[in-house]
Amino acid sequence: MNRSAFYESARARASGILGTSISQSQAQGVEAILDEAERRGTPLRHLAYILATAYHESAHTMQAVRETLATTDDDAIRALESAWKRGKLPWVKTPYWRKDANGKSWFGRGLVQITHHPNYSKLGLLIGVDLVKDPSKALELSTAVKILFVGMELGSFTGKSLSDYISDGRADYEGARRIVNGTDRAALIAGYAKAFEKALRDAGYAGGAASSAIPIPESKPKPAEPEKPPVIAQGPVPSGGWLSALLTVLLNIITGWRK
């Protein structure tokens, strides 16, 4: 794809995304997502919604962030605790940000912020990174990008996946918000997705078909096994090897014809 054309389209004043002055860290995040998409053969509209989701969930930074955008874990915990006590988080029944017996906190981290110990465990297994041992790894951009793609492709965040809303020429960008968070800001993020879709088309992005199977990262096809010759059922092979056995079979056939 022509990445210069992509940025030219995405930075247009009327696009509603990125803005006319993109920062170096924003570009770094976008590049990491584009690189992963091209490696995986991600369908164009899937990628448009992935970019839109990352743009929204990261507060437009395109970087892996802590929940509340805090600069430290303790600051994030304090901010969440304060908001919860003031009734600002009515949907939260259990304060998941409080440190467990091992001193670890399971607040949101990443491009799509995963919360709670079970989700860290599940996503870590899917991408091959031990997020339980070190949840802060979800703040590493390379890890966050893998979580973003795998979670949205497989439906690991909510049980809903990209193919549930975007396939076979259909692109329900508003409904696709359920992949991450119900209907919260669904129309806003759908607008981002349309802008990213235009930028990808302007750039000549060529991904896979939206209805195609999700490629397995870094998998290599097994070499084809040589075709085995057909097995001919026969009795015990007499001594003398295969040639002797063949001559014996032919002799039996000829003898049978003469009877």
C-alpha atoms as a PDB file:
ATOM      1  CA  MET A   1       0.000   0.000   0.000  1.00  0.00           C
ATOM      2  CA  ASN A   2       1.032   3.608  -0.507  1.00  0.00           C
ATOM      3  CA  ARG A   3       1.411   4.841   3.051  1.00  0.00           C
ATOM      4  CA  SER A   4       1.999   8.430   2.028  1.00  0.00           C
ATOM      5  CA  ALA A   5      -1.406   8.390   0.327  1.00  0.00           C
ATOM      6  CA  PHE A   6      -2.913   6.826   3.461  1.00  0.00           C
ATOM      7  CA  TYR A   7      -1.634   9.615   5.703  1.00  0.00           C
ATOM      8  CA  GLU A   8      -2.590  12.290   3.198  1.00  0.00           C
ATOM      9  CA  SER A   9      -6.181  11.034   3.283  1.00  0.00           C
ATOM     10  CA  ALA A  10      -6.297  10.415   7.048  1.00  0.00           C
ATOM     11  CA  ARG A  11      -4.856  13.857   7.835  1.00  0.00           C
ATOM     12  CA  ALA A  12      -7.268  15.758   5.595  1.00  0.00           C
ATOM     13  CA  ARG A  13      -9.137  18.376   7.580  1.00  0.00           C
ATOM     14  CA  ALA A  14     -12.495  16.833   6.691  1.00  0.00           C
ATOM     15  CA  SER A  15     -11.513  13.268   7.600  1.00  0.00           C
ATOM     16  CA  GLY A  16     -12.263  13.577  11.309  1.00  0.00           C
ATOM     17  CA  ILE A  17      -9.261  11.413  12.260  1.00  0.00           C
ATOM     18  CA  LEU A  18      -5.611  12.019  13.212  1.00  0.00           C
ATOM     19  CA  GLY A  19      -5.718  15.710  12.337  1.00  0.00           C
ATOM     20  CA  THR A  20      -3.492  17.827  10.152  1.00  0.00           C
ATOM     21  CA  SER A  21      -0.515  17.523  12.517  1.00  0.00           C
ATOM     22  CA  ILE A  22       0.098  13.899  13.454  1.00  0.00           C
ATOM     23  CA  SER A  23       2.603  13.243  16.243  1.00  0.00           C
ATOM     24  CA  GLN A  24       5.531  10.857  16.002  1.00  0.00           C
ATOM     25  CA  SER A  25       3.987   8.534  18.614  1.00  0.00           C
ATOM     26  CA  GLN A  26       0.663   8.485  16.740  1.00  0.00           C
ATOM     27  CA  ALA A  27       2.471   7.565  13.535  1.00  0.00           C
ATOM     28  CA  GLN A  28       4.409   4.860  15.366  1.00  0.00           C
ATOM     29  CA  GLY A  29       1.162   3.288  16.590  1.00  0.00           C
ATOM     30  CA  VAL A  30      -0.497   3.481  13.177  1.00  0.00           C
ATOM     31  CA  GLU A  31       2.567   1.957  11.501  1.00  0.00           C
ATOM     32  CA  ALA A  32       2.594  -0.950  13.959  1.00  0.00           C
ATOM     33  CA  ILE A  33      -1.067  -1.691  13.194  1.00  0.00           C
ATOM     34  CA  LEU A  34      -0.593  -1.411   9.429  1.00  0.00           C
ATOM     35  CA  ASP A  35       2.455  -3.682   9.584  1.00  0.00           C
ATOM     36  CA  GLU A  36       0.512  -6.334  11.497  1.00  0.00           C
ATOM     37  CA  ALA A  37      -2.451  -6.084   9.132  1.00  0.00           C
ATOM     38  CA  GLU A  38      -0.278  -6.590   6.061  1.00  0.00           C
ATOM     39  CA  ARG A  39       1.479  -9.515   7.713  1.00  0.00           C
ATOM     40  CA  ARG A  40      -1.834 -11.177   8.530  1.00  0.00           C
ATOM     41  CA  GLY A  41      -3.641 -10.296   5.303  1.00  0.00           C
ATOM     42  CA  THR A  42      -6.382  -8.518   7.245  1.00  0.00           C
ATOM     43  CA  PRO A  43      -9.419  -7.561   5.122  1.00  0.00           C
ATOM     44  CA  LEU A  44      -9.667  -3.839   4.374  1.00  0.00           C
ATOM     45  CA  ARG A  45     -12.869  -3.133   6.279  1.00  0.00           C
ATOM     46  CA  HIS A  46     -11.733  -5.231   9.222  1.00  0.00           C
ATOM     47  CA  LEU A  47      -8.599  -3.088   9.351  1.00  0.00           C
ATOM     48  CA  ALA A  48     -10.639   0.108   9.099  1.00  0.00           C
ATOM     49  CA  TYR A  49     -12.596  -0.863  12.202  1.00  0.00           C
ATOM     50  CA  ILE A  50      -9.490  -2.062  14.035  1.00  0.00           C
ATOM     51  CA  LEU A  51      -7.857   1.321  13.435  1.00  0.00           C
ATOM     52  CA  ALA A  52     -11.023   3.141  14.505  1.00  0.00           C
ATOM     53  CA  THR A  53     -11.218   1.116  17.710  1.00  0.00           C
ATOM     54  CA  ALA A  54      -7.569   1.733  18.587  1.00  0.00           C
ATOM     55  CA  TYR A  55      -8.008   5.434  17.809  1.00  0.00           C
ATOM     56  CA  HIS A  56     -10.954   5.699  20.196  1.00  0.00           C
ATOM     57  CA  GLU A  57      -9.761   3.385  22.971  1.00  0.00           C
ATOM     58  CA  SER A  58      -6.330   5.024  23.159  1.00  0.00           C
ATOM     59  CA  ALA A  59      -7.831   8.536  23.346  1.00  0.00           C
ATOM     60  CA  HIS A  60      -6.465   9.226  19.843  1.00  0.00           C
ATOM     61  CA  THR A  61      -2.858   8.552  20.909  1.00  0.00           C
ATOM     62  CA  MET A  62      -2.585   5.242  18.965  1.00  0.00           C
ATOM     63  CA  GLN A  63      -0.410   4.013  21.836  1.00  0.00           C
ATOM     64  CA  ALA A  64      -1.013   1.377  24.494  1.00  0.00           C
ATOM     65  CA  VAL A  65      -2.267   3.278  27.544  1.00  0.00           C
ATOM     66  CA  ARG A  66      -3.338   2.677  31.112  1.00  0.00           C
ATOM     67  CA  GLU A  67      -6.980   3.078  32.027  1.00  0.00           C
ATOM     68  CA  THR A  68      -7.606   6.747  32.991  1.00  0.00           C
ATOM     69  CA  LEU A  69      -4.468   7.616  30.934  1.00  0.00           C
ATOM     70  CA  ALA A  70      -2.410   7.590  34.139  1.00  0.00           C
ATOM     71  CA  THR A  71       1.358   7.571  33.848  1.00  0.00           C
ATOM     72  CA  THR A  72       1.859   4.995  36.626  1.00  0.00           C
ATOM     73  CA  ASP A  73      -0.049   1.973  37.938  1.00  0.00           C
ATOM     74  CA  ASP A  74      -0.593   3.585  41.339  1.00  0.00           C
ATOM     75  CA  ASP A  75      -1.993   6.739  39.728  1.00  0.00           C
ATOM     76  CA  ALA A  76      -4.416   4.623  37.679  1.00  0.00           C
ATOM     77  CA  ILE A  77      -5.542   2.736  40.806  1.00  0.00           C
ATOM     78  CA  ARG A  78      -6.100   5.969  42.743  1.00  0.00           C
ATOM     79  CA  ALA A  79      -8.060   7.552  39.906  1.00  0.00           C
ATOM     80  CA  LEU A  80     -10.316   4.507  39.496  1.00  0.00           C
ATOM     81  CA  GLU A  81     -10.872   4.178  43.245  1.00  0.00           C
ATOM     82  CA  SER A  82     -11.802   7.836  43.519  1.00  0.00           C
ATOM     83  CA  ALA A  83     -14.207   7.684  40.578  1.00  0.00           C
ATOM     84  CA  TRP A  84     -15.857   4.527  41.933  1.00  0.00           C
ATOM     85  CA  LYS A  85     -16.388   5.997  45.410  1.00  0.00           C
ATOM     86  CA  ARG A  86     -17.972   9.067  43.821  1.00  0.00           C
ATOM     87  CA  GLY A  87     -20.431   6.884  41.912  1.00  0.00           C
ATOM     88  CA  LYS A  88     -18.866   7.565  38.519  1.00  0.00           C
ATOM     89  CA  LEU A  89     -18.569   3.870  37.659  1.00  0.00           C
ATOM     90  CA  PRO A  90     -22.077   2.501  38.324  1.00  0.00           C
ATOM     91  CA  TRP A  91     -21.518  -0.526  36.059  1.00  0.00           C
ATOM     92  CA  VAL A  92     -18.620  -1.789  38.183  1.00  0.00           C
ATOM     93  CA  LYS A  93     -19.637  -4.294  40.849  1.00  0.00           C
ATOM     94  CA  THR A  94     -16.163  -5.379  41.908  1.00  0.00           C
ATOM     95  CA  PRO A  95     -13.225  -2.933  42.047  1.00  0.00           C
ATOM     96  CA  TYR A  96     -10.956  -4.932  39.730  1.00  0.00           C
ATOM     97  CA  TRP A  97      -8.151  -2.353  39.973  1.00  0.00           C
ATOM     98  CA  ARG A  98      -7.352  -3.130  43.612  1.00  0.00           C
ATOM     99  CA  LYS A  99      -4.121  -5.062  44.016  1.00  0.00           C
ATOM    100  CA  ASP A 100      -4.439  -8.795  44.639  1.00  0.00           C
ATOM    101  CA  ALA A 101      -2.473 -10.900  47.129  1.00  0.00           C
ATOM    102  CA  ASN A 102       0.507 -10.823  44.773  1.00  0.00           C
ATOM    103  CA  GLY A 103       0.465  -7.055  44.495  1.00  0.00           C
ATOM    104  CA  LYS A 104      -0.834  -7.043  40.921  1.00  0.00           C
ATOM    105  CA  SER A 105      -3.626  -4.873  39.576  1.00  0.00           C
ATOM    106  CA  TRP A 106      -5.868  -5.871  36.683  1.00  0.00           C
ATOM    107  CA  PHE A 107      -7.064  -2.470  35.480  1.00  0.00           C
ATOM    108  CA  GLY A 108      -7.224  -1.721  31.759  1.00  0.00           C
ATOM    109  CA  ARG A 109      -4.072  -1.637  29.685  1.00  0.00           C
ATOM    110  CA  GLY A 110      -3.376  -1.623  25.958  1.00  0.00           C
ATOM    111  CA  LEU A 111      -4.899  -0.364  22.725  1.00  0.00           C
ATOM    112  CA  VAL A 112      -8.115  -2.152  23.659  1.00  0.00           C
ATOM    113  CA  GLN A 113      -7.845  -2.142  27.413  1.00  0.00           C
ATOM    114  CA  ILE A 114      -8.253  -5.588  28.904  1.00  0.00           C
ATOM    115  CA  THR A 115      -9.399  -5.788  32.527  1.00  0.00           C
ATOM    116  CA  HIS A 116      -9.688  -8.552  35.167  1.00  0.00           C
ATOM    117  CA  HIS A 117      -7.270 -11.400  35.781  1.00  0.00           C
ATOM    118  CA  PRO A 118      -9.153 -14.025  33.656  1.00  0.00           C
ATOM    119  CA  ASN A 119      -8.981 -11.799  30.570  1.00  0.00           C
ATOM    120  CA  TYR A 120      -5.273 -11.175  31.003  1.00  0.00           C
ATOM    121  CA  SER A 121      -4.797 -14.925  31.299  1.00  0.00           C
ATOM    122  CA  LYS A 122      -6.924 -15.735  28.235  1.00  0.00           C
ATOM    123  CA  LEU A 123      -5.413 -13.102  25.941  1.00  0.00           C
ATOM    124  CA  GLY A 124      -1.927 -13.956  27.107  1.00  0.00           C
ATOM    125  CA  LEU A 125      -2.410 -17.587  26.127  1.00  0.00           C
ATOM    126  CA  LEU A 126      -3.775 -16.591  22.717  1.00  0.00           C
ATOM    127  CA  ILE A 127      -0.815 -14.377  21.822  1.00  0.00           C
ATOM    128  CA  GLY A 128       1.879 -16.384  23.582  1.00  0.00           C
ATOM    129  CA  VAL A 129       2.819 -13.740  26.169  1.00  0.00           C
ATOM    130  CA  ASP A 130       2.590 -14.352  29.928  1.00  0.00           C
ATOM    131  CA  LEU A 131       0.416 -11.395  30.923  1.00  0.00           C
ATOM    132  CA  VAL A 132      -0.375 -12.947  34.295  1.00  0.00           C
ATOM    133  CA  LYS A 133       3.254 -12.967  35.329  1.00  0.00           C
ATOM    134  CA  ASP A 134       3.675  -9.396  34.135  1.00  0.00           C
ATOM    135  CA  PRO A 135       0.464  -7.522  33.236  1.00  0.00           C
ATOM    136  CA  SER A 136       2.463  -4.431  32.311  1.00  0.00           C
ATOM    137  CA  LYS A 137       3.518  -6.229  29.113  1.00  0.00           C
ATOM    138  CA  ALA A 138       0.097  -5.241  27.753  1.00  0.00           C
ATOM    139  CA  LEU A 139       1.527  -1.718  27.600  1.00  0.00           C
ATOM    140  CA  GLU A 140       4.227  -2.759  25.128  1.00  0.00           C
ATOM    141  CA  LEU A 141       3.103  -1.648  21.679  1.00  0.00           C
ATOM    142  CA  SER A 142       3.958  -4.922  19.936  1.00  0.00           C
ATOM    143  CA  THR A 143       2.006  -6.909  22.537  1.00  0.00           C
ATOM    144  CA  ALA A 144      -0.900  -4.472  22.520  1.00  0.00           C
ATOM    145  CA  VAL A 145      -1.192  -4.757  18.733  1.00  0.00           C
ATOM    146  CA  LYS A 146      -1.372  -8.552  18.936  1.00  0.00           C
ATOM    147  CA  ILE A 147      -4.069  -8.336  21.610  1.00  0.00           C
ATOM    148  CA  LEU A 148      -5.991  -5.854  19.453  1.00  0.00           C
ATOM    149  CA  PHE A 149      -6.029  -8.099  16.379  1.00  0.00           C
ATOM    150  CA  VAL A 150      -6.544 -11.451  18.080  1.00  0.00           C
ATOM    151  CA  GLY A 151      -9.232 -10.152  20.417  1.00  0.00           C
ATOM    152  CA  MET A 152     -11.246  -8.563  17.613  1.00  0.00           C
ATOM    153  CA  GLU A 153     -10.752 -11.397  15.118  1.00  0.00           C
ATOM    154  CA  LEU A 154     -11.611 -14.215  17.504  1.00  0.00           C
ATOM    155  CA  GLY A 155     -14.208 -12.392  19.600  1.00  0.00           C
ATOM    156  CA  SER A 156     -12.106 -12.764  22.740  1.00  0.00           C
ATOM    157  CA  PHE A 157     -13.247  -9.483  24.320  1.00  0.00           C
ATOM    158  CA  THR A 158     -17.026  -9.937  24.389  1.00  0.00           C
ATOM    159  CA  GLY A 159     -17.751 -13.047  22.332  1.00  0.00           C
ATOM    160  CA  LYS A 160     -18.454 -10.936  19.225  1.00  0.00           C
ATOM    161  CA  SER A 161     -15.936 -10.849  16.381  1.00  0.00           C
ATOM    162  CA  LEU A 162     -15.233  -8.739  13.302  1.00  0.00           C
ATOM    163  CA  SER A 163     -16.720 -11.344  10.977  1.00  0.00           C
ATOM    164  CA  ASP A 164     -20.037 -11.077  12.866  1.00  0.00           C
ATOM    165  CA  TYR A 165     -20.489  -7.545  11.528  1.00  0.00           C
ATOM    166  CA  ILE A 166     -18.131  -7.130   8.582  1.00  0.00           C
ATOM    167  CA  SER A 167     -18.215  -9.811   5.879  1.00  0.00           C
ATOM    168  CA  ASP A 168     -19.360 -10.569   2.339  1.00  0.00           C
ATOM    169  CA  GLY A 169     -19.678  -6.906   1.368  1.00  0.00           C
ATOM    170  CA  ARG A 170     -21.548  -5.955   4.567  1.00  0.00           C
ATOM    171  CA  ALA A 171     -19.994  -3.468   6.985  1.00  0.00           C
ATOM    172  CA  ASP A 172     -22.087  -2.789  10.094  1.00  0.00           C
ATOM    173  CA  TYR A 173     -19.646  -0.419  11.736  1.00  0.00           C
ATOM    174  CA  GLU A 174     -22.104   0.684  14.424  1.00  0.00           C
ATOM    175  CA  GLY A 175     -23.021  -2.853  15.394  1.00  0.00           C
ATOM    176  CA  ALA A 176     -19.339  -3.791  15.452  1.00  0.00           C
ATOM    177  CA  ARG A 177     -18.913  -1.766  18.634  1.00  0.00           C
ATOM    178  CA  ARG A 178     -20.263  -4.833  20.434  1.00  0.00           C
ATOM    179  CA  ILE A 179     -16.918  -6.502  19.744  1.00  0.00           C
ATOM    180  CA  VAL A 180     -15.458  -4.336  22.498  1.00  0.00           C
ATOM    181  CA  ASN A 181     -18.038  -2.433  24.526  1.00  0.00           C
ATOM    182  CA  GLY A 182     -21.754  -2.768  23.803  1.00  0.00           C
ATOM    183  CA  THR A 183     -23.076   0.302  22.010  1.00  0.00           C
ATOM    184  CA  ASP A 184     -20.913   2.899  23.783  1.00  0.00           C
ATOM    185  CA  ARG A 185     -20.007   5.670  21.296  1.00  0.00           C
ATOM    186  CA  ALA A 186     -20.955   3.298  18.474  1.00  0.00           C
ATOM    187  CA  ALA A 187     -21.889   6.001  15.957  1.00  0.00           C
ATOM    188  CA  LEU A 188     -18.776   8.058  16.695  1.00  0.00           C
ATOM    189  CA  ILE A 189     -16.451   5.095  16.170  1.00  0.00           C
ATOM    190  CA  ALA A 190     -18.349   4.081  13.026  1.00  0.00           C
ATOM    191  CA  GLY A 191     -17.504   7.517  11.637  1.00  0.00           C
ATOM    192  CA  TYR A 192     -13.830   6.931  12.382  1.00  0.00           C
ATOM    193  CA  ALA A 193     -14.019   3.553  10.631  1.00  0.00           C
ATOM    194  CA  LYS A 194     -15.469   5.130   7.477  1.00  0.00           C
ATOM    195  CA  ALA A 195     -12.653   7.685   7.422  1.00  0.00           C
ATOM    196  CA  PHE A 196     -10.015   4.997   7.881  1.00  0.00           C
ATOM    197  CA  GLU A 197     -11.683   2.903   5.180  1.00  0.00           C
ATOM    198  CA  LYS A 198     -11.404   5.819   2.743  1.00  0.00           C
ATOM    199  CA  ALA A 199      -7.744   6.335   3.654  1.00  0.00           C
ATOM    200  CA  LEU A 200      -6.989   2.639   3.105  1.00  0.00           C
ATOM    201  CA  ARG A 201      -8.733   2.677  -0.282  1.00  0.00           C
ATOM    202  CA  ASP A 202      -6.904   5.846  -1.294  1.00  0.00           C
ATOM    203  CA  ALA A 203      -3.671   4.079  -0.361  1.00  0.00           C
ATOM    204  CA  GLY A 204      -4.476   1.021  -2.456  1.00  0.00           C
ATOM    205  CA  TYR A 205      -4.468  -1.325   0.530  1.00  0.00           C
ATOM    206  CA  ALA A 206      -4.984  -4.905  -0.594  1.00  0.00           C
ATOM    207  CA  GLY A 207      -6.071  -7.183   2.219  1.00  0.00           C
ATOM    208  CA  GLY A 208      -7.785 -10.537   2.190  1.00  0.00           C
ATOM    209  CA  ALA A 209     -11.505 -11.074   1.620  1.00  0.00           C
ATOM    210  CA  ALA A 210     -13.652 -10.279   4.649  1.00  0.00           C
ATOM    211  CA  SER A 211     -15.186 -13.716   4.579  1.00  0.00           C
ATOM    212  CA  SER A 212     -11.841 -15.509   4.528  1.00  0.00           C
ATOM    213  CA  ALA A 213     -10.517 -17.494   7.455  1.00  0.00           C
ATOM    214  CA  ILE A 214      -8.271 -15.704   9.924  1.00  0.00           C
ATOM    215  CA  PRO A 215      -4.645 -16.529   9.096  1.00  0.00           C
ATOM    216  CA  ILE A 216      -2.623 -18.126  11.871  1.00  0.00           C
ATOM    217  CA  PRO A 217       0.350 -15.885  12.682  1.00  0.00           C
ATOM    218  CA  GLU A 218       3.754 -17.148  11.556  1.00  0.00           C
ATOM    219  CA  SER A 219       2.448 -20.557  10.574  1.00  0.00           C
ATOM    220  CA  LYS A 220       4.281 -22.429   7.825  1.00  0.00           C
ATOM    221  CA  PRO A 221       2.627 -24.943   5.498  1.00  0.00           C
ATOM    222  CA  LYS A 222       3.869 -28.483   5.839  1.00  0.00           C
ATOM    223  CA  PRO A 223       5.618 -29.862   2.744  1.00  0.00           C
ATOM    224  CA  ALA A 224       3.415 -32.163   0.730  1.00  0.00           C
ATOM    225  CA  GLU A 225       4.109 -35.810   1.349  1.00  0.00           C
ATOM    226  CA  PRO A 226       5.034 -37.876  -1.737  1.00  0.00           C
ATOM    227  CA  GLU A 227       2.156 -39.856  -3.095  1.00  0.00           C
ATOM    228  CA  LYS A 228       2.302 -43.467  -1.918  1.00  0.00           C
ATOM    229  CA  PRO A 229       1.915 -46.229  -4.497  1.00  0.00           C
ATOM    230  CA  PRO A 230      -1.253 -48.291  -4.240  1.00  0.00           C
ATOM    231  CA  VAL A 231      -0.955 -51.319  -1.981  1.00  0.00           C
ATOM    232  CA  ILE A 232      -1.601 -54.679  -3.652  1.00  0.00           C
ATOM    233  CA  ALA A 233      -2.930 -57.295  -1.284  1.00  0.00           C
ATOM    234  CA  GLN A 234      -0.985 -60.494  -1.475  1.00  0.00           C
ATOM    235  CA  GLY A 235       0.231 -63.386   0.610  1.00  0.00           C
ATOM    236  CA  PRO A 236       3.631 -63.739   2.270  1.00  0.00           C
ATOM    237  CA  VAL A 237       6.516 -62.613   0.046  1.00  0.00           C
ATOM    238  CA  PRO A 238       8.872 -65.518  -0.753  1.00  0.00           C
ATOM    239  CA  SER A 239      12.574 -65.151  -0.186  1.00  0.00           C
ATOM    240  CA  GLY A 240      14.500 -63.433  -2.971  1.00  0.00           C
ATOM    241  CA  GLY A 241      13.090 -59.905  -2.604  1.00  0.00           C
ATOM    242  CA  TRP A 242      10.475 -57.983  -4.519  1.00  0.00           C
ATOM    243  CA  LEU A 243      11.557 -59.245  -7.974  1.00  0.00           C
ATOM    244  CA  SER A 244      11.187 -62.827  -6.906  1.00  0.00           C
ATOM    245  CA  ALA A 245       7.787 -62.042  -5.437  1.00  0.00           C
ATOM    246  CA  LEU A 246       6.652 -60.382  -8.678  1.00  0.00           C
ATOM    247  CA  LEU A 247       7.806 -63.332 -10.782  1.00  0.00           C
ATOM    248  CA  THR A 248       5.953 -65.707  -8.501  1.00  0.00           C
ATOM    249  CA  VAL A 249       2.704 -63.739  -8.847  1.00  0.00           C
ATOM    250  CA  LEU A 250       3.055 -63.646 -12.672  1.00  0.00           C
ATOM    251  CA  LEU A 251       3.813 -67.372 -12.796  1.00  0.00           C
ATOM    252  CA  ASN A 252       0.707 -68.124 -10.757  1.00  0.00           C
ATOM    253  CA  ILE A 253      -1.403 -66.025 -13.134  1.00  0.00           C
ATOM    254  CA  ILE A 254      -0.006 -67.770 -16.241  1.00  0.00           C
ATOM    255  CA  THR A 255      -0.434 -71.187 -14.668  1.00  0.00           C
ATOM    256  CA  GLY A 256      -4.015 -70.324 -13.812  1.00  0.00           C
ATOM    257  CA  TRP A 257      -4.745 -69.354 -17.422  1.00  0.00           C
ATOM    258  CA  ARG A 258      -3.368 -72.680 -18.679  1.00  0.00           C
ATOM    259  CA  LYS A 259      -5.570 -74.766 -16.400  1.00  0.00           C
END
